[in-house]
Amino acid sequence: QVQLVESGGGLVQAGGSLRLSCIASGSIFGINVMDWYRQAPGKQRELVATFTSGDSTSYADSVRGRFTISRDNAKNTVYLQMNSLKPEDTAVYYCHVGCIFCRPYNYWGQGTQVTVSS
């Protein structure tokens, strides 16, 4: 019931910036979770940034101060602004949505590759 289309990944030099976008379509009304994950080669998938209850945000320690999650409700889009990128940020980034009125509950984008060169 929900489709997620990601964009914004690419190759960037260390210290550079990228802005990832995730556009949601379909049954938008039931979305109650919006966040970003990433998975680096040989590593477990990890939560990078999320909106928490109370309309606050939370970040992984490794990206706090460099990444910012935001959303544009009018455009049904969630963003991940990534600044001061490091080679360690190289991973496939996935947006994730939880939809309380959908089946299944969880939806994932197809992933967008972010590669940071040293």
C-alpha atoms as a PDB file:
ATOM      1  CA  GLN A   1       0.000   0.000   0.000  1.00  0.00           C
ATOM      2  CA  VAL A   2       3.034   2.267   0.355  1.00  0.00           C
ATOM      3  CA  GLN A   3       5.724   2.806  -2.235  1.00  0.00           C
ATOM      4  CA  LEU A   4       9.030   4.455  -1.412  1.00  0.00           C
ATOM      5  CA  VAL A   5      11.276   5.962  -4.051  1.00  0.00           C
ATOM      6  CA  GLU A   6      14.759   6.962  -2.974  1.00  0.00           C
ATOM      7  CA  SER A   7      17.170   9.280  -4.695  1.00  0.00           C
ATOM      8  CA  GLY A   8      20.222  11.390  -4.017  1.00  0.00           C
ATOM      9  CA  GLY A   9      22.941   8.813  -3.576  1.00  0.00           C
ATOM     10  CA  GLY A  10      26.187   8.932  -5.438  1.00  0.00           C
ATOM     11  CA  LEU A  11      29.915   9.349  -5.199  1.00  0.00           C
ATOM     12  CA  VAL A  12      31.296  12.184  -3.130  1.00  0.00           C
ATOM     13  CA  GLN A  13      34.675  13.110  -1.711  1.00  0.00           C
ATOM     14  CA  ALA A  14      35.324  13.090   2.000  1.00  0.00           C
ATOM     15  CA  GLY A  15      34.064  16.283   3.559  1.00  0.00           C
ATOM     16  CA  GLY A  16      31.374  16.699   0.966  1.00  0.00           C
ATOM     17  CA  SER A  17      27.610  16.607   1.290  1.00  0.00           C
ATOM     18  CA  LEU A  18      24.690  14.691  -0.116  1.00  0.00           C
ATOM     19  CA  ARG A  19      20.969  14.975   0.380  1.00  0.00           C
ATOM     20  CA  LEU A  20      18.904  11.830   0.184  1.00  0.00           C
ATOM     21  CA  SER A  21      15.203  11.969  -0.567  1.00  0.00           C
ATOM     22  CA  CYS A  22      12.507   9.395  -0.057  1.00  0.00           C
ATOM     23  CA  ILE A  23       9.106  10.028  -1.566  1.00  0.00           C
ATOM     24  CA  ALA A  24       6.209   8.031  -0.211  1.00  0.00           C
ATOM     25  CA  SER A  25       3.098   7.315  -2.202  1.00  0.00           C
ATOM     26  CA  GLY A  26       0.013   5.240  -1.597  1.00  0.00           C
ATOM     27  CA  SER A  27      -1.605   4.966   1.823  1.00  0.00           C
ATOM     28  CA  ILE A  28       0.147   7.898   3.437  1.00  0.00           C
ATOM     29  CA  PHE A  29      -2.385   8.479   6.194  1.00  0.00           C
ATOM     30  CA  GLY A  30      -1.310   5.521   8.295  1.00  0.00           C
ATOM     31  CA  ILE A  31       2.410   6.283   8.354  1.00  0.00           C
ATOM     32  CA  ASN A  32       3.626   6.679  11.915  1.00  0.00           C
ATOM     33  CA  VAL A  33       7.324   5.856  11.532  1.00  0.00           C
ATOM     34  CA  MET A  34       9.800   7.404   9.119  1.00  0.00           C
ATOM     35  CA  ASP A  35      13.511   6.819   9.356  1.00  0.00           C
ATOM     36  CA  TRP A  36      16.765   6.029   7.571  1.00  0.00           C
ATOM     37  CA  TYR A  37      18.932   2.949   7.809  1.00  0.00           C
ATOM     38  CA  ARG A  38      22.192   2.024   6.182  1.00  0.00           C
ATOM     39  CA  GLN A  39      24.151  -1.132   5.582  1.00  0.00           C
ATOM     40  CA  ALA A  40      27.849  -1.107   4.836  1.00  0.00           C
ATOM     41  CA  PRO A  41      29.627  -4.086   3.267  1.00  0.00           C
ATOM     42  CA  GLY A  42      30.172  -6.769   5.877  1.00  0.00           C
ATOM     43  CA  LYS A  43      28.235  -4.836   8.497  1.00  0.00           C
ATOM     44  CA  GLN A  44      24.837  -5.120  10.110  1.00  0.00           C
ATOM     45  CA  ARG A  45      22.107  -2.795   9.011  1.00  0.00           C
ATOM     46  CA  GLU A  46      21.912   0.108  11.418  1.00  0.00           C
ATOM     47  CA  LEU A  47      19.463   2.838  12.206  1.00  0.00           C
ATOM     48  CA  VAL A  48      20.927   6.171  11.180  1.00  0.00           C
ATOM     49  CA  ALA A  49      18.221   8.731  11.898  1.00  0.00           C
ATOM     50  CA  THR A  50      14.607   8.631  12.918  1.00  0.00           C
ATOM     51  CA  PHE A  51      11.668  10.677  14.049  1.00  0.00           C
ATOM     52  CA  THR A  52      10.708   9.683  17.568  1.00  0.00           C
ATOM     53  CA  SER A  53       7.581  10.239  19.613  1.00  0.00           C
ATOM     54  CA  GLY A  54       6.983  13.845  20.530  1.00  0.00           C
ATOM     55  CA  ASP A  55       8.090  14.933  17.048  1.00  0.00           C
ATOM     56  CA  SER A  56      11.732  14.804  18.040  1.00  0.00           C
ATOM     57  CA  THR A  57      14.640  13.263  16.168  1.00  0.00           C
ATOM     58  CA  SER A  58      17.281  10.751  17.095  1.00  0.00           C
ATOM     59  CA  TYR A  59      20.609   9.897  15.484  1.00  0.00           C
ATOM     60  CA  ALA A  60      23.233   7.233  15.624  1.00  0.00           C
ATOM     61  CA  ASP A  61      26.304   8.350  17.530  1.00  0.00           C
ATOM     62  CA  SER A  62      28.420   7.998  14.417  1.00  0.00           C
ATOM     63  CA  VAL A  63      26.423  10.590  12.465  1.00  0.00           C
ATOM     64  CA  ARG A  64      25.137  12.950  15.134  1.00  0.00           C
ATOM     65  CA  GLY A  65      26.074  16.523  14.319  1.00  0.00           C
ATOM     66  CA  ARG A  66      26.676  15.719  10.667  1.00  0.00           C
ATOM     67  CA  PHE A  67      23.368  14.263   9.471  1.00  0.00           C
ATOM     68  CA  THR A  68      19.924  15.813   9.698  1.00  0.00           C
ATOM     69  CA  ILE A  69      16.624  14.091   9.090  1.00  0.00           C
ATOM     70  CA  SER A  70      13.736  16.244   7.968  1.00  0.00           C
ATOM     71  CA  ARG A  71      10.414  15.915   6.231  1.00  0.00           C
ATOM     72  CA  ASP A  72       8.079  17.816   4.004  1.00  0.00           C
ATOM     73  CA  ASN A  73       4.574  16.631   4.718  1.00  0.00           C
ATOM     74  CA  ALA A  74       3.126  18.457   1.723  1.00  0.00           C
ATOM     75  CA  LYS A  75       5.435  16.488  -0.561  1.00  0.00           C
ATOM     76  CA  ASN A  76       5.218  13.223   1.403  1.00  0.00           C
ATOM     77  CA  THR A  77       8.981  13.220   1.478  1.00  0.00           C
ATOM     78  CA  VAL A  78      11.600  12.511   4.097  1.00  0.00           C
ATOM     79  CA  TYR A  79      15.147  13.762   3.654  1.00  0.00           C
ATOM     80  CA  LEU A  80      18.536  12.928   5.021  1.00  0.00           C
ATOM     81  CA  GLN A  81      21.009  15.765   4.751  1.00  0.00           C
ATOM     82  CA  MET A  82      24.510  14.370   5.097  1.00  0.00           C
ATOM     83  CA  ASN A  83      27.363  16.786   5.698  1.00  0.00           C
ATOM     84  CA  SER A  84      31.042  16.289   6.423  1.00  0.00           C
ATOM     85  CA  LEU A  85      30.885  12.850   4.896  1.00  0.00           C
ATOM     86  CA  LYS A  86      33.520  10.304   5.792  1.00  0.00           C
ATOM     87  CA  PRO A  87      34.609   7.130   4.017  1.00  0.00           C
ATOM     88  CA  GLU A  88      33.038   5.222   6.911  1.00  0.00           C
ATOM     89  CA  ASP A  89      29.662   6.540   5.760  1.00  0.00           C
ATOM     90  CA  THR A  90      29.896   4.471   2.594  1.00  0.00           C
ATOM     91  CA  ALA A  91      26.865   2.208   2.551  1.00  0.00           C
ATOM     92  CA  VAL A  92      23.551   1.515   0.943  1.00  0.00           C
ATOM     93  CA  TYR A  93      21.010   3.805   2.539  1.00  0.00           C
ATOM     94  CA  TYR A  94      17.401   2.737   2.958  1.00  0.00           C
ATOM     95  CA  CYS A  95      14.385   4.732   3.942  1.00  0.00           C
ATOM     96  CA  HIS A  96      11.866   2.911   6.074  1.00  0.00           C
ATOM     97  CA  VAL A  97       8.224   3.550   6.801  1.00  0.00           C
ATOM     98  CA  GLY A  98       5.861   2.010   9.296  1.00  0.00           C
ATOM     99  CA  CYS A  99       2.201   2.200   8.364  1.00  0.00           C
ATOM    100  CA  ILE A 100      -0.369   1.339  11.005  1.00  0.00           C
ATOM    101  CA  PHE A 101      -3.214   0.940   8.520  1.00  0.00           C
ATOM    102  CA  CYS A 102      -1.223  -1.045   5.996  1.00  0.00           C
ATOM    103  CA  ARG A 103      -0.415  -4.693   5.598  1.00  0.00           C
ATOM    104  CA  PRO A 104       2.412  -5.322   6.004  1.00  0.00           C
ATOM    105  CA  TYR A 105       3.367  -2.654   8.542  1.00  0.00           C
ATOM    106  CA  ASN A 106       6.925  -2.108   7.329  1.00  0.00           C
ATOM    107  CA  TYR A 107       7.961  -0.736   3.960  1.00  0.00           C
ATOM    108  CA  TRP A 108      11.453  -0.225   2.616  1.00  0.00           C
ATOM    109  CA  GLY A 109      12.948   1.716  -0.203  1.00  0.00           C
ATOM    110  CA  GLN A 110      15.113  -0.125  -2.680  1.00  0.00           C
ATOM    111  CA  GLY A 111      18.221   1.568  -1.357  1.00  0.00           C
ATOM    112  CA  THR A 112      20.552   4.191  -2.718  1.00  0.00           C
ATOM    113  CA  GLN A 113      24.307   3.782  -2.776  1.00  0.00           C
ATOM    114  CA  VAL A 114      26.441   6.397  -1.060  1.00  0.00           C
ATOM    115  CA  THR A 115      30.159   6.141  -1.669  1.00  0.00           C
ATOM    116  CA  VAL A 116      32.578   8.500   0.040  1.00  0.00           C
ATOM    117  CA  SER A 117      36.107   8.559  -1.295  1.00  0.00           C
ATOM    118  CA  SER A 118      39.104   9.547   0.775  1.00  0.00           C
END
